[in-house]
Amino acid sequence: MPTSSPPHYKLQPAVMGEFLSWWNVLHAETAPGPVRADRAALRRADSIGAVTCLPAYQRVFRRLAAKHDGTSWTHREQDRIAALIGLAAHLYERDDTSLPQAMSRRADGADSNPVSDLRFARLLDSPDLDALFVGLRRVMPLIEHRADPAQMANDLFGWGDQVKKRWAYAYRWPDKAGS
């Protein structure tokens, strides 16, 4: 199955706005009990299939679908929405860095990236969306659960050769092998 996608393959502005609104409520310190329960359920989901079967996911999926203008999302696009919703529950803090920048954001005085170049390359070579989801879920603690949720959403929704290339250029590769 080809992984290429057109560079414009991203969430529509209204869908993105609804996603960010949901994400802000999900991670608000004053989130009501049901929202905290949804967040916990999404964090426990260890695959895209597990995310899809959650009422917490279905609620936000319906909200996003209501904002989507045009033909219904394909099954492939629905899986991408499930991946981004599932990973959004693990992204606690918003900053202006993309995922590859966050994966190579070195702490003060550190001489290595929080995500090794080998692990990053394996993410780029993920054989399918589920493998990418699992890999990124495991990376979230390494990047301190911080990145730009909008950029993450568009990257996951548009995952393909163009995004992979952009990630490869955005990641801070070590100056020499093994460092």
N, C-alpha and C. Protein backbone atom coordinates (compact mmCIF):
# COMPACT_ATOMS: atom_id res chain seq x y z
N MET A 1 0.85 -1.18 0.00
CA MET A 1 0.00 0.00 0.00
C MET A 1 0.90 1.24 0.00
N PRO A 2 0.72 2.15 -0.95
CA PRO A 2 1.55 3.35 -0.99
C PRO A 2 1.28 4.25 0.22
N THR A 3 2.33 4.96 0.63
CA THR A 3 2.18 5.84 1.79
C THR A 3 2.19 7.31 1.40
N SER A 4 2.21 7.58 0.11
CA SER A 4 2.27 8.98 -0.29
C SER A 4 0.91 9.64 -0.12
N SER A 5 0.96 10.93 0.12
CA SER A 5 -0.27 11.71 0.22
C SER A 5 0.03 13.10 -0.28
N PRO A 6 -0.97 13.78 -0.82
CA PRO A 6 -0.72 15.14 -1.30
C PRO A 6 -0.37 16.06 -0.14
N PRO A 7 0.42 17.09 -0.38
CA PRO A 7 0.84 17.99 0.70
C PRO A 7 -0.32 18.73 1.36
N HIS A 8 -1.48 18.80 0.71
CA HIS A 8 -2.63 19.51 1.28
C HIS A 8 -3.52 18.58 2.10
N TYR A 9 -3.10 17.35 2.31
CA TYR A 9 -3.90 16.35 3.01
C TYR A 9 -3.83 16.63 4.51
N LYS A 10 -4.72 17.50 4.96
CA LYS A 10 -4.75 17.86 6.38
C LYS A 10 -6.18 18.14 6.79
N LEU A 11 -6.37 18.29 8.08
CA LEU A 11 -7.72 18.54 8.60
C LEU A 11 -8.25 19.89 8.11
N GLN A 12 -9.53 19.92 7.82
CA GLN A 12 -10.16 21.18 7.44
C GLN A 12 -10.13 22.12 8.64
N PRO A 13 -10.10 23.45 8.41
CA PRO A 13 -10.01 24.41 9.51
C PRO A 13 -11.09 24.23 10.58
N ALA A 14 -12.33 23.98 10.18
CA ALA A 14 -13.40 23.81 11.17
C ALA A 14 -13.18 22.56 12.01
N VAL A 15 -12.69 21.50 11.38
CA VAL A 15 -12.40 20.26 12.10
C VAL A 15 -11.23 20.48 13.05
N MET A 16 -10.21 21.18 12.57
CA MET A 16 -9.05 21.48 13.42
C MET A 16 -9.48 22.32 14.61
N GLY A 17 -10.31 23.31 14.39
CA GLY A 17 -10.79 24.14 15.48
C GLY A 17 -11.54 23.33 16.53
N GLU A 18 -12.38 22.42 16.09
CA GLU A 18 -13.12 21.55 17.02
C GLU A 18 -12.17 20.62 17.76
N PHE A 19 -11.18 20.07 17.04
CA PHE A 19 -10.19 19.20 17.68
C PHE A 19 -9.44 19.95 18.78
N LEU A 20 -8.96 21.16 18.47
CA LEU A 20 -8.20 21.93 19.46
C LEU A 20 -9.08 22.35 20.64
N SER A 21 -10.34 22.66 20.37
CA SER A 21 -11.27 22.97 21.45
C SER A 21 -11.42 21.77 22.38
N TRP A 22 -11.62 20.59 21.80
CA TRP A 22 -11.74 19.36 22.59
C TRP A 22 -10.45 19.10 23.36
N TRP A 23 -9.29 19.25 22.70
CA TRP A 23 -8.00 18.98 23.35
C TRP A 23 -7.80 19.92 24.55
N ASN A 24 -8.15 21.19 24.40
CA ASN A 24 -8.01 22.14 25.51
C ASN A 24 -8.86 21.75 26.70
N VAL A 25 -10.09 21.33 26.47
CA VAL A 25 -10.97 20.90 27.57
C VAL A 25 -10.44 19.61 28.18
N LEU A 26 -9.95 18.70 27.33
CA LEU A 26 -9.44 17.41 27.81
C LEU A 26 -8.30 17.59 28.81
N HIS A 27 -7.47 18.58 28.58
CA HIS A 27 -6.28 18.76 29.43
C HIS A 27 -6.39 19.94 30.40
N ALA A 28 -7.57 20.51 30.51
CA ALA A 28 -7.76 21.62 31.46
C ALA A 28 -7.68 21.09 32.89
N GLU A 29 -7.03 21.86 33.75
CA GLU A 29 -6.92 21.46 35.16
C GLU A 29 -8.29 21.36 35.81
N THR A 30 -9.24 22.11 35.31
CA THR A 30 -10.58 22.12 35.89
C THR A 30 -11.55 21.23 35.11
N ALA A 31 -11.01 20.27 34.36
CA ALA A 31 -11.87 19.40 33.56
C ALA A 31 -12.84 18.64 34.47
N PRO A 32 -14.11 18.59 34.07
CA PRO A 32 -15.09 17.86 34.90
C PRO A 32 -14.79 16.36 34.89
N GLY A 33 -15.37 15.65 35.85
CA GLY A 33 -15.14 14.23 36.02
C GLY A 33 -15.30 13.39 34.76
N PRO A 34 -16.39 13.58 34.00
CA PRO A 34 -16.55 12.77 32.78
C PRO A 34 -15.42 12.99 31.76
N VAL A 35 -14.91 14.20 31.68
CA VAL A 35 -13.81 14.50 30.75
C VAL A 35 -12.54 13.80 31.24
N ARG A 36 -12.28 13.85 32.54
CA ARG A 36 -11.12 13.16 33.10
C ARG A 36 -11.23 11.65 32.86
N ALA A 37 -12.43 11.11 32.97
CA ALA A 37 -12.65 9.68 32.71
C ALA A 37 -12.37 9.35 31.24
N ASP A 38 -12.82 10.21 30.33
CA ASP A 38 -12.54 10.02 28.90
C ASP A 38 -11.03 10.05 28.65
N ARG A 39 -10.35 11.01 29.26
CA ARG A 39 -8.90 11.13 29.09
C ARG A 39 -8.20 9.86 29.56
N ALA A 40 -8.61 9.35 30.72
CA ALA A 40 -8.00 8.12 31.26
C ALA A 40 -8.26 6.93 30.34
N ALA A 41 -9.48 6.82 29.83
CA ALA A 41 -9.81 5.70 28.94
C ALA A 41 -8.97 5.77 27.66
N LEU A 42 -8.84 6.97 27.09
CA LEU A 42 -8.05 7.13 25.88
C LEU A 42 -6.58 6.82 26.13
N ARG A 43 -6.06 7.19 27.28
CA ARG A 43 -4.65 6.91 27.59
C ARG A 43 -4.39 5.42 27.73
N ARG A 44 -5.38 4.67 28.17
CA ARG A 44 -5.20 3.22 28.34
C ARG A 44 -5.27 2.47 27.01
N ALA A 45 -5.87 3.05 26.00
CA ALA A 45 -6.02 2.36 24.71
C ALA A 45 -4.65 2.16 24.07
N ASP A 46 -4.31 0.90 23.79
CA ASP A 46 -2.97 0.60 23.31
C ASP A 46 -2.89 0.32 21.81
N SER A 47 -3.98 0.53 21.09
CA SER A 47 -3.98 0.36 19.64
C SER A 47 -5.09 1.24 19.05
N ILE A 48 -5.03 1.41 17.75
CA ILE A 48 -6.07 2.20 17.09
C ILE A 48 -7.42 1.51 17.23
N GLY A 49 -7.44 0.19 17.13
CA GLY A 49 -8.68 -0.56 17.32
C GLY A 49 -9.27 -0.33 18.70
N ALA A 50 -8.39 -0.31 19.72
CA ALA A 50 -8.86 -0.07 21.09
C ALA A 50 -9.42 1.34 21.23
N VAL A 51 -8.79 2.30 20.60
CA VAL A 51 -9.28 3.68 20.65
C VAL A 51 -10.66 3.75 20.00
N THR A 52 -10.80 3.15 18.84
CA THR A 52 -12.04 3.22 18.08
C THR A 52 -13.24 2.67 18.85
N CYS A 53 -12.99 1.67 19.70
CA CYS A 53 -14.09 1.02 20.43
C CYS A 53 -14.50 1.76 21.70
N LEU A 54 -13.87 2.87 22.00
CA LEU A 54 -14.18 3.62 23.21
C LEU A 54 -15.30 4.63 22.98
N PRO A 55 -16.27 4.68 23.90
CA PRO A 55 -17.28 5.74 23.81
C PRO A 55 -16.64 7.13 23.84
N ALA A 56 -15.55 7.29 24.59
CA ALA A 56 -14.85 8.58 24.65
C ALA A 56 -14.40 9.01 23.26
N TYR A 57 -13.87 8.08 22.48
CA TYR A 57 -13.45 8.38 21.12
C TYR A 57 -14.66 8.68 20.23
N GLN A 58 -15.68 7.85 20.33
CA GLN A 58 -16.84 8.01 19.46
C GLN A 58 -17.49 9.38 19.66
N ARG A 59 -17.50 9.86 20.89
CA ARG A 59 -18.08 11.19 21.16
C ARG A 59 -17.31 12.28 20.42
N VAL A 60 -15.99 12.27 20.52
CA VAL A 60 -15.21 13.33 19.86
C VAL A 60 -15.20 13.12 18.34
N PHE A 61 -15.20 11.86 17.90
CA PHE A 61 -15.25 11.60 16.46
C PHE A 61 -16.52 12.20 15.85
N ARG A 62 -17.64 12.04 16.51
CA ARG A 62 -18.91 12.59 16.01
C ARG A 62 -18.85 14.12 15.96
N ARG A 63 -18.22 14.72 16.96
CA ARG A 63 -18.07 16.19 16.95
C ARG A 63 -17.24 16.64 15.76
N LEU A 64 -16.14 15.94 15.52
CA LEU A 64 -15.27 16.31 14.39
C LEU A 64 -15.97 16.06 13.06
N ALA A 65 -16.66 14.93 12.95
CA ALA A 65 -17.36 14.59 11.71
C ALA A 65 -18.45 15.62 11.40
N ALA A 66 -19.09 16.17 12.43
CA ALA A 66 -20.12 17.18 12.22
C ALA A 66 -19.53 18.47 11.62
N LYS A 67 -18.25 18.73 11.89
CA LYS A 67 -17.59 19.93 11.36
C LYS A 67 -16.98 19.68 9.98
N HIS A 68 -16.86 18.42 9.59
CA HIS A 68 -16.24 18.06 8.31
C HIS A 68 -17.18 18.39 7.16
N ASP A 69 -16.67 19.12 6.18
CA ASP A 69 -17.45 19.53 5.02
C ASP A 69 -17.03 18.69 3.83
N GLY A 70 -17.95 18.02 3.22
CA GLY A 70 -17.63 17.20 2.05
C GLY A 70 -18.02 15.76 2.26
N THR A 71 -17.42 14.89 1.47
CA THR A 71 -17.75 13.47 1.56
C THR A 71 -17.29 12.92 2.91
N SER A 72 -17.94 11.86 3.33
CA SER A 72 -17.57 11.22 4.60
C SER A 72 -16.13 10.75 4.55
N TRP A 73 -15.50 10.70 5.72
CA TRP A 73 -14.14 10.19 5.78
C TRP A 73 -14.11 8.73 5.40
N THR A 74 -13.07 8.34 4.70
CA THR A 74 -12.87 6.93 4.35
C THR A 74 -12.47 6.17 5.61
N HIS A 75 -12.46 4.85 5.53
CA HIS A 75 -12.03 4.03 6.67
C HIS A 75 -10.58 4.38 7.05
N ARG A 76 -9.76 4.61 6.05
CA ARG A 76 -8.36 4.98 6.30
C ARG A 76 -8.28 6.31 7.07
N GLU A 77 -9.09 7.27 6.65
CA GLU A 77 -9.11 8.56 7.33
C GLU A 77 -9.68 8.43 8.73
N GLN A 78 -10.68 7.58 8.90
CA GLN A 78 -11.23 7.36 10.24
C GLN A 78 -10.18 6.78 11.18
N ASP A 79 -9.35 5.86 10.67
CA ASP A 79 -8.25 5.32 11.49
C ASP A 79 -7.26 6.41 11.86
N ARG A 80 -7.01 7.32 10.95
CA ARG A 80 -6.09 8.43 11.24
C ARG A 80 -6.67 9.35 12.31
N ILE A 81 -7.98 9.56 12.27
CA ILE A 81 -8.63 10.36 13.31
C ILE A 81 -8.50 9.64 14.65
N ALA A 82 -8.71 8.32 14.66
CA ALA A 82 -8.58 7.55 15.90
C ALA A 82 -7.15 7.65 16.44
N ALA A 83 -6.17 7.57 15.56
CA ALA A 83 -4.77 7.68 16.00
C ALA A 83 -4.50 9.05 16.61
N LEU A 84 -4.96 10.10 15.98
CA LEU A 84 -4.66 11.43 16.51
C LEU A 84 -5.42 11.70 17.80
N ILE A 85 -6.64 11.18 17.95
CA ILE A 85 -7.38 11.36 19.20
C ILE A 85 -6.71 10.57 20.32
N GLY A 86 -6.32 9.33 20.02
CA GLY A 86 -5.64 8.52 21.03
C GLY A 86 -4.34 9.13 21.48
N LEU A 87 -3.56 9.66 20.56
CA LEU A 87 -2.28 10.28 20.93
C LEU A 87 -2.47 11.63 21.59
N ALA A 88 -3.53 12.33 21.24
CA ALA A 88 -3.79 13.64 21.85
C ALA A 88 -4.00 13.52 23.35
N ALA A 89 -4.51 12.39 23.80
CA ALA A 89 -4.69 12.17 25.24
C ALA A 89 -3.35 12.08 25.96
N HIS A 90 -2.28 11.76 25.23
CA HIS A 90 -0.95 11.64 25.81
C HIS A 90 -0.14 12.94 25.67
N LEU A 91 -0.69 13.90 24.97
CA LEU A 91 0.00 15.18 24.75
C LEU A 91 -0.59 16.18 25.73
N TYR A 92 0.08 16.36 26.87
CA TYR A 92 -0.47 17.16 27.97
C TYR A 92 -0.27 18.65 27.80
N GLU A 93 0.83 19.02 27.17
CA GLU A 93 1.20 20.44 27.14
C GLU A 93 1.46 20.88 25.71
N ARG A 94 0.90 22.02 25.36
CA ARG A 94 1.07 22.57 24.02
C ARG A 94 2.30 23.47 23.99
N ASP A 95 3.12 23.26 22.99
CA ASP A 95 4.17 24.23 22.68
C ASP A 95 4.26 24.32 21.16
N ASP A 96 5.22 25.06 20.66
CA ASP A 96 5.24 25.31 19.21
C ASP A 96 6.14 24.36 18.45
N THR A 97 6.49 23.22 19.04
CA THR A 97 7.38 22.29 18.35
C THR A 97 6.59 21.14 17.72
N SER A 98 7.03 20.74 16.56
CA SER A 98 6.45 19.57 15.91
C SER A 98 6.96 18.32 16.64
N LEU A 99 6.37 17.19 16.35
CA LEU A 99 6.83 15.96 17.00
C LEU A 99 8.30 15.66 16.72
N PRO A 100 8.79 15.75 15.47
CA PRO A 100 10.21 15.46 15.27
C PRO A 100 11.13 16.47 15.98
N GLN A 101 10.71 17.72 16.07
CA GLN A 101 11.51 18.69 16.82
C GLN A 101 11.52 18.33 18.30
N ALA A 102 10.36 17.93 18.83
CA ALA A 102 10.27 17.53 20.24
C ALA A 102 11.12 16.29 20.50
N MET A 103 11.16 15.37 19.54
CA MET A 103 11.93 14.14 19.72
C MET A 103 13.43 14.39 19.69
N SER A 104 13.83 15.53 19.19
CA SER A 104 15.26 15.86 19.16
C SER A 104 15.58 17.11 19.98
N ARG A 105 14.66 17.50 20.85
CA ARG A 105 14.85 18.66 21.73
C ARG A 105 15.68 18.21 22.93
N ARG A 106 16.91 18.63 22.96
CA ARG A 106 17.81 18.21 24.03
C ARG A 106 17.65 19.08 25.27
N ALA A 107 17.63 18.42 26.41
CA ALA A 107 17.59 19.14 27.68
C ALA A 107 18.91 19.89 27.85
N ASP A 108 18.90 20.94 28.66
CA ASP A 108 20.12 21.71 28.90
C ASP A 108 21.23 20.78 29.37
N GLY A 109 22.35 20.85 28.69
CA GLY A 109 23.51 20.05 29.06
C GLY A 109 23.50 18.63 28.52
N ALA A 110 22.40 18.20 27.92
CA ALA A 110 22.32 16.83 27.39
C ALA A 110 23.08 16.75 26.07
N ASP A 111 23.70 15.61 25.84
CA ASP A 111 24.44 15.42 24.60
C ASP A 111 23.75 14.46 23.64
N SER A 112 22.51 14.06 23.98
CA SER A 112 21.78 13.18 23.08
C SER A 112 20.29 13.59 23.06
N ASN A 113 19.64 13.18 22.00
CA ASN A 113 18.22 13.47 21.83
C ASN A 113 17.39 12.58 22.76
N PRO A 114 16.23 13.04 23.19
CA PRO A 114 15.38 12.18 24.01
C PRO A 114 14.92 10.93 23.25
N VAL A 115 14.81 11.04 21.93
CA VAL A 115 14.48 9.90 21.08
C VAL A 115 15.67 9.67 20.16
N SER A 116 16.27 8.50 20.29
CA SER A 116 17.48 8.20 19.50
C SER A 116 17.19 8.23 18.01
N ASP A 117 18.24 8.44 17.23
CA ASP A 117 18.07 8.47 15.78
C ASP A 117 17.59 7.11 15.26
N LEU A 118 18.00 6.02 15.90
CA LEU A 118 17.53 4.70 15.48
C LEU A 118 16.02 4.55 15.74
N ARG A 119 15.58 4.95 16.91
CA ARG A 119 14.15 4.88 17.23
C ARG A 119 13.34 5.78 16.31
N PHE A 120 13.87 6.98 16.04
CA PHE A 120 13.19 7.90 15.13
C PHE A 120 13.08 7.30 13.74
N ALA A 121 14.17 6.71 13.25
CA ALA A 121 14.15 6.09 11.92
C ALA A 121 13.14 4.95 11.88
N ARG A 122 13.01 4.21 12.96
CA ARG A 122 12.01 3.13 13.00
C ARG A 122 10.60 3.68 12.93
N LEU A 123 10.38 4.85 13.56
CA LEU A 123 9.06 5.48 13.45
C LEU A 123 8.76 5.83 11.99
N LEU A 124 9.75 6.39 11.31
CA LEU A 124 9.57 6.75 9.90
C LEU A 124 9.29 5.53 9.04
N ASP A 125 9.84 4.39 9.44
CA ASP A 125 9.67 3.15 8.68
C ASP A 125 8.51 2.29 9.18
N SER A 126 7.66 2.85 10.01
CA SER A 126 6.53 2.07 10.53
C SER A 126 5.77 1.44 9.38
N PRO A 127 5.51 0.13 9.47
CA PRO A 127 4.85 -0.55 8.35
C PRO A 127 3.39 -0.17 8.16
N ASP A 128 2.76 0.35 9.21
CA ASP A 128 1.36 0.76 9.09
C ASP A 128 1.05 1.78 10.17
N LEU A 129 -0.16 2.31 10.12
CA LEU A 129 -0.57 3.36 11.05
C LEU A 129 -0.61 2.85 12.49
N ASP A 130 -1.01 1.60 12.70
CA ASP A 130 -1.07 1.06 14.06
C ASP A 130 0.33 1.00 14.67
N ALA A 131 1.32 0.58 13.89
CA ALA A 131 2.70 0.53 14.39
C ALA A 131 3.20 1.94 14.71
N LEU A 132 2.86 2.90 13.88
CA LEU A 132 3.23 4.29 14.14
C LEU A 132 2.58 4.78 15.43
N PHE A 133 1.29 4.47 15.61
CA PHE A 133 0.57 4.86 16.82
C PHE A 133 1.26 4.31 18.07
N VAL A 134 1.56 3.02 18.05
CA VAL A 134 2.21 2.39 19.21
C VAL A 134 3.57 3.02 19.47
N GLY A 135 4.33 3.25 18.42
CA GLY A 135 5.65 3.87 18.58
C GLY A 135 5.56 5.28 19.14
N LEU A 136 4.63 6.08 18.64
CA LEU A 136 4.48 7.46 19.13
C LEU A 136 3.93 7.48 20.55
N ARG A 137 3.07 6.56 20.86
CA ARG A 137 2.53 6.46 22.23
C ARG A 137 3.68 6.23 23.22
N ARG A 138 4.63 5.40 22.83
CA ARG A 138 5.79 5.11 23.69
C ARG A 138 6.77 6.27 23.76
N VAL A 139 6.76 7.12 22.75
CA VAL A 139 7.67 8.27 22.69
C VAL A 139 7.18 9.43 23.56
N MET A 140 5.89 9.52 23.78
CA MET A 140 5.32 10.67 24.50
C MET A 140 6.01 10.98 25.83
N PRO A 141 6.28 9.99 26.69
CA PRO A 141 6.98 10.33 27.94
C PRO A 141 8.39 10.88 27.69
N LEU A 142 9.03 10.42 26.63
CA LEU A 142 10.39 10.87 26.32
C LEU A 142 10.44 12.34 25.92
N ILE A 143 9.35 12.82 25.34
CA ILE A 143 9.28 14.23 24.93
C ILE A 143 8.50 15.06 25.94
N GLU A 144 8.35 14.49 27.13
CA GLU A 144 7.67 15.14 28.25
C GLU A 144 6.23 15.52 27.91
N HIS A 145 5.61 14.74 27.03
CA HIS A 145 4.21 14.94 26.65
C HIS A 145 3.96 16.35 26.11
N ARG A 146 4.96 16.93 25.42
CA ARG A 146 4.86 18.30 24.91
C ARG A 146 5.15 18.36 23.42
N ALA A 147 4.25 19.00 22.70
CA ALA A 147 4.43 19.29 21.27
C ALA A 147 3.22 20.11 20.84
N ASP A 148 3.16 20.43 19.58
CA ASP A 148 2.04 21.20 19.03
C ASP A 148 0.93 20.23 18.61
N PRO A 149 -0.23 20.26 19.29
CA PRO A 149 -1.30 19.31 18.94
C PRO A 149 -1.84 19.51 17.53
N ALA A 150 -1.88 20.73 17.04
CA ALA A 150 -2.39 20.97 15.67
C ALA A 150 -1.45 20.36 14.64
N GLN A 151 -0.16 20.55 14.83
CA GLN A 151 0.82 19.98 13.90
C GLN A 151 0.77 18.46 13.96
N MET A 152 0.66 17.91 15.18
CA MET A 152 0.56 16.46 15.33
C MET A 152 -0.67 15.94 14.59
N ALA A 153 -1.80 16.62 14.74
CA ALA A 153 -3.04 16.19 14.10
C ALA A 153 -2.88 16.17 12.59
N ASN A 154 -2.36 17.24 12.02
CA ASN A 154 -2.19 17.29 10.57
C ASN A 154 -1.17 16.26 10.09
N ASP A 155 -0.10 16.05 10.85
CA ASP A 155 0.90 15.06 10.45
C ASP A 155 0.32 13.65 10.45
N LEU A 156 -0.45 13.31 11.47
CA LEU A 156 -1.05 11.98 11.51
C LEU A 156 -2.13 11.81 10.45
N PHE A 157 -2.95 12.84 10.26
CA PHE A 157 -4.01 12.75 9.27
C PHE A 157 -3.42 12.67 7.86
N GLY A 158 -2.32 13.34 7.63
CA GLY A 158 -1.70 13.34 6.30
C GLY A 158 -0.50 12.43 6.19
N TRP A 159 -0.35 11.47 7.11
CA TRP A 159 0.84 10.62 7.15
C TRP A 159 1.11 9.99 5.79
N GLY A 160 2.31 10.15 5.32
CA GLY A 160 2.74 9.61 4.04
C GLY A 160 4.13 10.12 3.73
N ASP A 161 4.56 9.97 2.50
CA ASP A 161 5.93 10.32 2.12
C ASP A 161 6.27 11.78 2.40
N GLN A 162 5.34 12.69 2.11
CA GLN A 162 5.62 14.12 2.33
C GLN A 162 5.86 14.43 3.80
N VAL A 163 5.03 13.87 4.67
CA VAL A 163 5.19 14.10 6.11
C VAL A 163 6.48 13.45 6.60
N LYS A 164 6.76 12.25 6.14
CA LYS A 164 7.99 11.56 6.54
C LYS A 164 9.22 12.39 6.17
N LYS A 165 9.23 12.94 4.98
CA LYS A 165 10.36 13.77 4.55
C LYS A 165 10.47 15.02 5.42
N ARG A 166 9.33 15.64 5.70
CA ARG A 166 9.34 16.84 6.54
C ARG A 166 9.88 16.50 7.92
N TRP A 167 9.46 15.36 8.47
CA TRP A 167 9.95 14.92 9.77
C TRP A 167 11.46 14.67 9.72
N ALA A 168 11.93 14.04 8.67
CA ALA A 168 13.37 13.75 8.55
C ALA A 168 14.19 15.03 8.55
N TYR A 169 13.68 16.07 7.90
CA TYR A 169 14.39 17.35 7.89
C TYR A 169 14.27 18.09 9.22
N ALA A 170 13.18 17.91 9.93
CA ALA A 170 12.95 18.64 11.19
C ALA A 170 13.68 18.02 12.38
N TYR A 171 13.98 16.73 12.31
CA TYR A 171 14.65 16.04 13.41
C TYR A 171 16.12 16.47 13.45
N ARG A 172 16.65 16.63 14.65
CA ARG A 172 18.05 17.01 14.83
C ARG A 172 18.90 15.73 14.90
N TRP A 173 19.42 15.35 13.75
CA TRP A 173 20.23 14.13 13.67
C TRP A 173 21.58 14.36 14.34
N PRO A 174 22.16 13.32 14.95
CA PRO A 174 23.47 13.50 15.59
C PRO A 174 24.53 13.82 14.54
N ASP A 175 25.56 14.53 14.98
CA ASP A 175 26.63 14.93 14.07
C ASP A 175 27.41 13.74 13.54
N LYS A 176 27.50 12.68 14.34
CA LYS A 176 28.20 11.47 13.89
C LYS A 176 27.44 10.26 14.40
N ALA A 177 27.67 9.16 13.72
CA ALA A 177 26.96 7.92 14.09
C ALA A 177 27.29 7.54 15.52
N GLY A 178 26.25 7.09 16.22
CA GLY A 178 26.45 6.61 17.58
C GLY A 178 26.47 7.68 18.64
N SER A 179 26.23 8.97 18.28
CA SER A 179 26.21 10.00 19.32
C SER A 179 24.87 10.64 19.45
